[in-house]
Amino acid sequence: MCEDCLAGYSRCVHVTADAADAYRQAMRLCALMEHHGEEAELLTHLESVDEVRRMAAALPNSRFVHHPCPGARPSCGAGGCEPDVSVMDDRELEAHLPLAMSARFAPGTAEDRVVAALGDNGSAVFLVWPGRWPDRPEHGLHGSRHDAVQVAFRGDHSDPALLSGRHAVHVHVSKESGHRGVEYLAAQAGVHP
């Protein structure tokens, strides 16, 4: 996950069972940013061949990393490897599961494909759009390099109670902005829990 984004204050502002709704709400929040980051970031952990195929088709230039489980016979060396999933058959790919996947892309260029590739089940997928919120000290909002919007599709590592299949939209702000800044942004975007 974007380490800079996690250095500030984060709060979930919307939870839904509809992935497209989560994405729409995230874009409403991103529209409030004074400055948008040059890249969005996707992170996930894939455990099935089907998941890998769907996500690789959505983001063909992604990075896939295999780290062998402790005690398991490594399929590509004890230190792990970066398999080229596009040339592997299903049997070869299965031997390299699970895979960590990461991708960076220009905002607005791949999100629709990612949402379509989610499918009905699978691992949590995190999309982060970094940027900078405008300074609105009268509303408790102070822009910083830690600002971002994040969607946790199908889960949320910060809230284990979130039901499987639910999608959570988070706002990242500076520690100085805190809860008051998040509330202001959510109200401005019309995003409600």
C-alpha atoms as a PDB file:
ATOM      1  CA  MET A   1       0.000   0.000   0.000  1.00  0.00           C
ATOM      2  CA  CYS A   2       1.107   3.565  -0.540  1.00  0.00           C
ATOM      3  CA  GLU A   3       3.308   4.089   2.571  1.00  0.00           C
ATOM      4  CA  ASP A   4       3.079   7.878   2.311  1.00  0.00           C
ATOM      5  CA  CYS A   5      -0.726   7.675   2.320  1.00  0.00           C
ATOM      6  CA  LEU A   6      -0.749   5.610   5.488  1.00  0.00           C
ATOM      7  CA  ALA A   7       1.457   8.079   7.404  1.00  0.00           C
ATOM      8  CA  GLY A   8      -1.459  10.470   7.979  1.00  0.00           C
ATOM      9  CA  TYR A   9      -5.010   9.916   9.207  1.00  0.00           C
ATOM     10  CA  SER A  10      -7.359   7.523   7.402  1.00  0.00           C
ATOM     11  CA  ARG A  11     -11.077   6.968   7.800  1.00  0.00           C
ATOM     12  CA  CYS A  12     -13.648   4.835   6.035  1.00  0.00           C
ATOM     13  CA  VAL A  13     -16.407   7.087   4.678  1.00  0.00           C
ATOM     14  CA  HIS A  14     -18.514   4.658   2.635  1.00  0.00           C
ATOM     15  CA  VAL A  15     -19.226   0.905   2.602  1.00  0.00           C
ATOM     16  CA  THR A  16     -21.267  -0.811  -0.106  1.00  0.00           C
ATOM     17  CA  ALA A  17     -21.891  -4.198  -1.693  1.00  0.00           C
ATOM     18  CA  ASP A  18     -21.643  -2.606  -5.168  1.00  0.00           C
ATOM     19  CA  ALA A  19     -18.076  -2.265  -6.536  1.00  0.00           C
ATOM     20  CA  ALA A  20     -19.175   0.262  -9.175  1.00  0.00           C
ATOM     21  CA  ASP A  21     -20.766   2.404  -6.442  1.00  0.00           C
ATOM     22  CA  ALA A  22     -17.543   2.315  -4.399  1.00  0.00           C
ATOM     23  CA  TYR A  23     -15.592   3.440  -7.451  1.00  0.00           C
ATOM     24  CA  ARG A  24     -18.107   6.254  -8.197  1.00  0.00           C
ATOM     25  CA  GLN A  25     -17.905   7.509  -4.622  1.00  0.00           C
ATOM     26  CA  ALA A  26     -14.093   7.432  -4.747  1.00  0.00           C
ATOM     27  CA  MET A  27     -14.107   9.485  -7.958  1.00  0.00           C
ATOM     28  CA  ARG A  28     -16.438  12.045  -6.350  1.00  0.00           C
ATOM     29  CA  LEU A  29     -13.867  12.453  -3.589  1.00  0.00           C
ATOM     30  CA  CYS A  30     -10.922  12.563  -6.023  1.00  0.00           C
ATOM     31  CA  ALA A  31     -12.651  15.400  -7.884  1.00  0.00           C
ATOM     32  CA  LEU A  32     -12.176  17.552  -4.764  1.00  0.00           C
ATOM     33  CA  MET A  33      -8.383  17.232  -4.881  1.00  0.00           C
ATOM     34  CA  GLU A  34      -6.411  20.368  -5.621  1.00  0.00           C
ATOM     35  CA  HIS A  35      -3.592  18.289  -7.096  1.00  0.00           C
ATOM     36  CA  HIS A  36      -3.856  14.759  -8.475  1.00  0.00           C
ATOM     37  CA  GLY A  37      -1.003  12.259  -8.336  1.00  0.00           C
ATOM     38  CA  GLU A  38       0.445  11.100 -11.640  1.00  0.00           C
ATOM     39  CA  GLU A  39      -0.232   7.441 -10.874  1.00  0.00           C
ATOM     40  CA  ALA A  40      -2.892   5.371  -9.186  1.00  0.00           C
ATOM     41  CA  GLU A  41      -1.732   2.191  -7.485  1.00  0.00           C
ATOM     42  CA  LEU A  42      -3.300  -1.258  -7.251  1.00  0.00           C
ATOM     43  CA  LEU A  43      -2.224  -3.904  -4.746  1.00  0.00           C
ATOM     44  CA  THR A  44      -3.674  -7.349  -4.173  1.00  0.00           C
ATOM     45  CA  HIS A  45      -2.834 -10.926  -3.274  1.00  0.00           C
ATOM     46  CA  LEU A  46      -4.139 -13.466  -5.796  1.00  0.00           C
ATOM     47  CA  GLU A  47      -4.823 -17.067  -4.842  1.00  0.00           C
ATOM     48  CA  SER A  48      -6.449 -18.604  -7.918  1.00  0.00           C
ATOM     49  CA  VAL A  49      -5.560 -18.977 -11.576  1.00  0.00           C
ATOM     50  CA  ASP A  50      -8.876 -17.348 -12.518  1.00  0.00           C
ATOM     51  CA  GLU A  51      -8.117 -14.255 -10.406  1.00  0.00           C
ATOM     52  CA  VAL A  52      -4.649 -13.937 -11.941  1.00  0.00           C
ATOM     53  CA  ARG A  53      -6.002 -14.248 -15.481  1.00  0.00           C
ATOM     54  CA  ARG A  54      -8.744 -11.648 -14.902  1.00  0.00           C
ATOM     55  CA  MET A  55      -6.458  -9.104 -13.261  1.00  0.00           C
ATOM     56  CA  ALA A  56      -3.615  -9.635 -15.752  1.00  0.00           C
ATOM     57  CA  ALA A  57      -6.060  -8.990 -18.593  1.00  0.00           C
ATOM     58  CA  ALA A  58      -7.233  -5.777 -16.902  1.00  0.00           C
ATOM     59  CA  LEU A  59      -3.682  -4.534 -16.231  1.00  0.00           C
ATOM     60  CA  PRO A  60      -1.266  -6.323 -18.576  1.00  0.00           C
ATOM     61  CA  ASN A  61       1.846  -4.461 -17.367  1.00  0.00           C
ATOM     62  CA  SER A  62       1.405  -5.494 -13.742  1.00  0.00           C
ATOM     63  CA  ARG A  63       4.107  -6.913 -11.537  1.00  0.00           C
ATOM     64  CA  PHE A  64       3.465 -10.385 -10.117  1.00  0.00           C
ATOM     65  CA  VAL A  65       5.654 -11.736  -7.319  1.00  0.00           C
ATOM     66  CA  HIS A  66       5.662 -15.229  -5.896  1.00  0.00           C
ATOM     67  CA  HIS A  67       6.984 -15.738  -2.363  1.00  0.00           C
ATOM     68  CA  PRO A  68       6.986 -19.408  -1.377  1.00  0.00           C
ATOM     69  CA  CYS A  69       5.105 -20.321   1.778  1.00  0.00           C
ATOM     70  CA  PRO A  70       7.325 -21.375   4.700  1.00  0.00           C
ATOM     71  CA  GLY A  71       7.990 -25.105   4.538  1.00  0.00           C
ATOM     72  CA  ALA A  72       6.704 -25.389   0.956  1.00  0.00           C
ATOM     73  CA  ARG A  73       8.871 -26.513  -1.912  1.00  0.00           C
ATOM     74  CA  PRO A  74       9.607 -23.291  -3.823  1.00  0.00           C
ATOM     75  CA  SER A  75       8.642 -23.341  -7.492  1.00  0.00           C
ATOM     76  CA  CYS A  76      11.190 -20.699  -8.428  1.00  0.00           C
ATOM     77  CA  GLY A  77      13.775 -20.377  -5.686  1.00  0.00           C
ATOM     78  CA  ALA A  78      13.645 -19.725  -1.969  1.00  0.00           C
ATOM     79  CA  GLY A  79      13.797 -15.937  -2.431  1.00  0.00           C
ATOM     80  CA  GLY A  80      10.776 -15.808  -4.696  1.00  0.00           C
ATOM     81  CA  CYS A  81      10.455 -14.734  -8.308  1.00  0.00           C
ATOM     82  CA  GLU A  82       8.496 -12.590 -10.725  1.00  0.00           C
ATOM     83  CA  PRO A  83       6.819 -15.037 -13.110  1.00  0.00           C
ATOM     84  CA  ASP A  84       5.624 -13.905 -16.530  1.00  0.00           C
ATOM     85  CA  VAL A  85       2.003 -14.961 -16.120  1.00  0.00           C
ATOM     86  CA  SER A  86       1.161 -14.105 -19.728  1.00  0.00           C
ATOM     87  CA  VAL A  87       3.199 -17.061 -21.065  1.00  0.00           C
ATOM     88  CA  MET A  88       2.383 -19.636 -18.375  1.00  0.00           C
ATOM     89  CA  ASP A  89      -0.231 -22.307 -18.792  1.00  0.00           C
ATOM     90  CA  ASP A  90      -2.706 -22.854 -15.946  1.00  0.00           C
ATOM     91  CA  ARG A  91      -0.709 -25.729 -14.420  1.00  0.00           C
ATOM     92  CA  GLU A  92       2.506 -23.678 -14.302  1.00  0.00           C
ATOM     93  CA  LEU A  93       0.652 -20.684 -12.926  1.00  0.00           C
ATOM     94  CA  GLU A  94      -0.995 -22.734 -10.187  1.00  0.00           C
ATOM     95  CA  ALA A  95       2.447 -23.897  -9.012  1.00  0.00           C
ATOM     96  CA  HIS A  96       3.367 -20.235  -8.408  1.00  0.00           C
ATOM     97  CA  LEU A  97       0.293 -19.322  -6.355  1.00  0.00           C
ATOM     98  CA  PRO A  98      -0.267 -17.270  -4.321  1.00  0.00           C
ATOM     99  CA  LEU A  99       0.959 -14.176  -6.174  1.00  0.00           C
ATOM    100  CA  ALA A 100       1.253 -10.617  -4.961  1.00  0.00           C
ATOM    101  CA  MET A 101       0.198  -8.194  -7.700  1.00  0.00           C
ATOM    102  CA  SER A 102       0.996  -4.517  -7.989  1.00  0.00           C
ATOM    103  CA  ALA A 103       0.403  -2.016 -10.750  1.00  0.00           C
ATOM    104  CA  ARG A 104       0.748   1.708 -11.299  1.00  0.00           C
ATOM    105  CA  PHE A 105      -1.174   3.491 -14.013  1.00  0.00           C
ATOM    106  CA  ALA A 106      -2.410   6.928 -14.990  1.00  0.00           C
ATOM    107  CA  PRO A 107      -5.628   7.740 -13.125  1.00  0.00           C
ATOM    108  CA  GLY A 108      -8.724   7.286 -15.263  1.00  0.00           C
ATOM    109  CA  THR A 109      -7.107   4.811 -17.672  1.00  0.00           C
ATOM    110  CA  ALA A 110      -7.742   1.372 -16.169  1.00  0.00           C
ATOM    111  CA  GLU A 111     -10.177   1.552 -13.268  1.00  0.00           C
ATOM    112  CA  ASP A 112     -13.214   0.422 -15.285  1.00  0.00           C
ATOM    113  CA  ARG A 113     -11.311  -2.688 -16.401  1.00  0.00           C
ATOM    114  CA  VAL A 114     -10.231  -3.397 -12.817  1.00  0.00           C
ATOM    115  CA  VAL A 115     -13.787  -3.108 -11.456  1.00  0.00           C
ATOM    116  CA  ALA A 116     -15.037  -5.403 -14.250  1.00  0.00           C
ATOM    117  CA  ALA A 117     -12.256  -7.930 -13.500  1.00  0.00           C
ATOM    118  CA  LEU A 118     -13.083  -8.191  -9.798  1.00  0.00           C
ATOM    119  CA  GLY A 119     -15.591 -10.983 -10.305  1.00  0.00           C
ATOM    120  CA  ASP A 120     -17.846 -12.261  -7.550  1.00  0.00           C
ATOM    121  CA  ASN A 121     -15.191 -13.566  -5.192  1.00  0.00           C
ATOM    122  CA  GLY A 122     -11.501 -13.483  -4.526  1.00  0.00           C
ATOM    123  CA  SER A 123      -8.957 -11.570  -2.525  1.00  0.00           C
ATOM    124  CA  ALA A 124      -9.198  -7.964  -1.437  1.00  0.00           C
ATOM    125  CA  VAL A 125      -8.026  -5.467  -4.068  1.00  0.00           C
ATOM    126  CA  PHE A 126      -6.763  -2.048  -3.000  1.00  0.00           C
ATOM    127  CA  LEU A 127      -6.799   0.950  -5.345  1.00  0.00           C
ATOM    128  CA  VAL A 128      -5.173   4.183  -4.175  1.00  0.00           C
ATOM    129  CA  TRP A 129      -5.344   7.614  -5.836  1.00  0.00           C
ATOM    130  CA  PRO A 130      -2.798   9.966  -4.230  1.00  0.00           C
ATOM    131  CA  GLY A 131      -3.053  13.721  -4.506  1.00  0.00           C
ATOM    132  CA  ARG A 132      -3.362  16.812  -2.359  1.00  0.00           C
ATOM    133  CA  TRP A 133      -6.469  18.225  -0.754  1.00  0.00           C
ATOM    134  CA  PRO A 134      -6.949  22.009  -0.871  1.00  0.00           C
ATOM    135  CA  ASP A 135      -6.175  23.958   2.280  1.00  0.00           C
ATOM    136  CA  ARG A 136      -9.444  24.824   4.023  1.00  0.00           C
ATOM    137  CA  PRO A 137      -8.308  25.554   7.596  1.00  0.00           C
ATOM    138  CA  GLU A 138     -11.726  26.947   8.482  1.00  0.00           C
ATOM    139  CA  HIS A 139     -13.053  23.401   7.908  1.00  0.00           C
ATOM    140  CA  GLY A 140     -10.107  21.622   9.511  1.00  0.00           C
ATOM    141  CA  LEU A 141      -8.591  20.581   6.181  1.00  0.00           C
ATOM    142  CA  HIS A 142      -4.857  21.006   5.629  1.00  0.00           C
ATOM    143  CA  GLY A 143      -3.451  19.557   2.397  1.00  0.00           C
ATOM    144  CA  SER A 144      -0.370  17.336   2.630  1.00  0.00           C
ATOM    145  CA  ARG A 145       1.686  14.825   0.698  1.00  0.00           C
ATOM    146  CA  HIS A 146      -0.155  12.034   2.559  1.00  0.00           C
ATOM    147  CA  ASP A 147      -3.532  12.823   0.996  1.00  0.00           C
ATOM    148  CA  ALA A 148      -5.314  10.112  -0.983  1.00  0.00           C
ATOM    149  CA  VAL A 149      -8.517   8.252  -1.693  1.00  0.00           C
ATOM    150  CA  GLN A 150      -8.498   4.466  -1.407  1.00  0.00           C
ATOM    151  CA  VAL A 151     -11.003   1.739  -2.191  1.00  0.00           C
ATOM    152  CA  ALA A 152     -10.678  -1.642  -0.538  1.00  0.00           C
ATOM    153  CA  PHE A 153     -12.673  -3.878  -2.878  1.00  0.00           C
ATOM    154  CA  ARG A 154     -13.898  -7.089  -1.211  1.00  0.00           C
ATOM    155  CA  GLY A 155     -12.400  -6.373   2.150  1.00  0.00           C
ATOM    156  CA  ASP A 156     -10.525  -4.048   4.371  1.00  0.00           C
ATOM    157  CA  HIS A 157      -7.385  -4.962   6.272  1.00  0.00           C
ATOM    158  CA  SER A 158      -8.026  -2.168   8.787  1.00  0.00           C
ATOM    159  CA  ASP A 159     -11.497  -3.499   9.650  1.00  0.00           C
ATOM    160  CA  PRO A 160     -11.630  -7.298   9.890  1.00  0.00           C
ATOM    161  CA  ALA A 161     -15.339  -7.037  10.785  1.00  0.00           C
ATOM    162  CA  LEU A 162     -16.135  -5.786   7.270  1.00  0.00           C
ATOM    163  CA  LEU A 163     -18.124  -8.516   5.610  1.00  0.00           C
ATOM    164  CA  SER A 164     -16.637 -10.373   2.693  1.00  0.00           C
ATOM    165  CA  GLY A 165     -17.887  -8.972  -0.571  1.00  0.00           C
ATOM    166  CA  ARG A 166     -18.205  -5.436   0.796  1.00  0.00           C
ATOM    167  CA  HIS A 167     -16.215  -2.514  -0.576  1.00  0.00           C
ATOM    168  CA  ALA A 168     -14.890   0.328   1.594  1.00  0.00           C
ATOM    169  CA  VAL A 169     -13.930   3.855   0.494  1.00  0.00           C
ATOM    170  CA  HIS A 170     -11.277   5.533   2.649  1.00  0.00           C
ATOM    171  CA  VAL A 171     -10.059   9.117   2.778  1.00  0.00           C
ATOM    172  CA  HIS A 172      -6.446   9.795   3.766  1.00  0.00           C
ATOM    173  CA  VAL A 173      -5.619  13.234   5.162  1.00  0.00           C
ATOM    174  CA  SER A 174      -2.852  14.768   7.239  1.00  0.00           C
ATOM    175  CA  LYS A 175      -2.845  14.071  10.967  1.00  0.00           C
ATOM    176  CA  GLU A 176      -3.515  17.790  11.427  1.00  0.00           C
ATOM    177  CA  SER A 177      -6.723  17.486   9.366  1.00  0.00           C
ATOM    178  CA  GLY A 178      -7.890  14.361  11.171  1.00  0.00           C
ATOM    179  CA  HIS A 179     -11.546  13.499  11.630  1.00  0.00           C
ATOM    180  CA  ARG A 180     -12.791  17.042  10.983  1.00  0.00           C
ATOM    181  CA  GLY A 181     -11.069  17.229   7.580  1.00  0.00           C
ATOM    182  CA  VAL A 182     -12.447  13.826   6.548  1.00  0.00           C
ATOM    183  CA  GLU A 183     -15.980  14.816   7.546  1.00  0.00           C
ATOM    184  CA  TYR A 184     -15.697  18.022   5.512  1.00  0.00           C
ATOM    185  CA  LEU A 185     -14.512  16.160   2.397  1.00  0.00           C
ATOM    186  CA  ALA A 186     -17.220  13.495   2.672  1.00  0.00           C
ATOM    187  CA  ALA A 187     -19.898  16.192   3.041  1.00  0.00           C
ATOM    188  CA  GLN A 188     -18.528  18.165   0.075  1.00  0.00           C
ATOM    189  CA  ALA A 189     -18.563  15.062  -2.135  1.00  0.00           C
ATOM    190  CA  GLY A 190     -21.982  13.935  -0.893  1.00  0.00           C
ATOM    191  CA  VAL A 191     -20.499  10.624   0.262  1.00  0.00           C
ATOM    192  CA  HIS A 192     -22.256   8.971   3.172  1.00  0.00           C
ATOM    193  CA  PRO A 193     -21.516   5.749   5.094  1.00  0.00           C
END
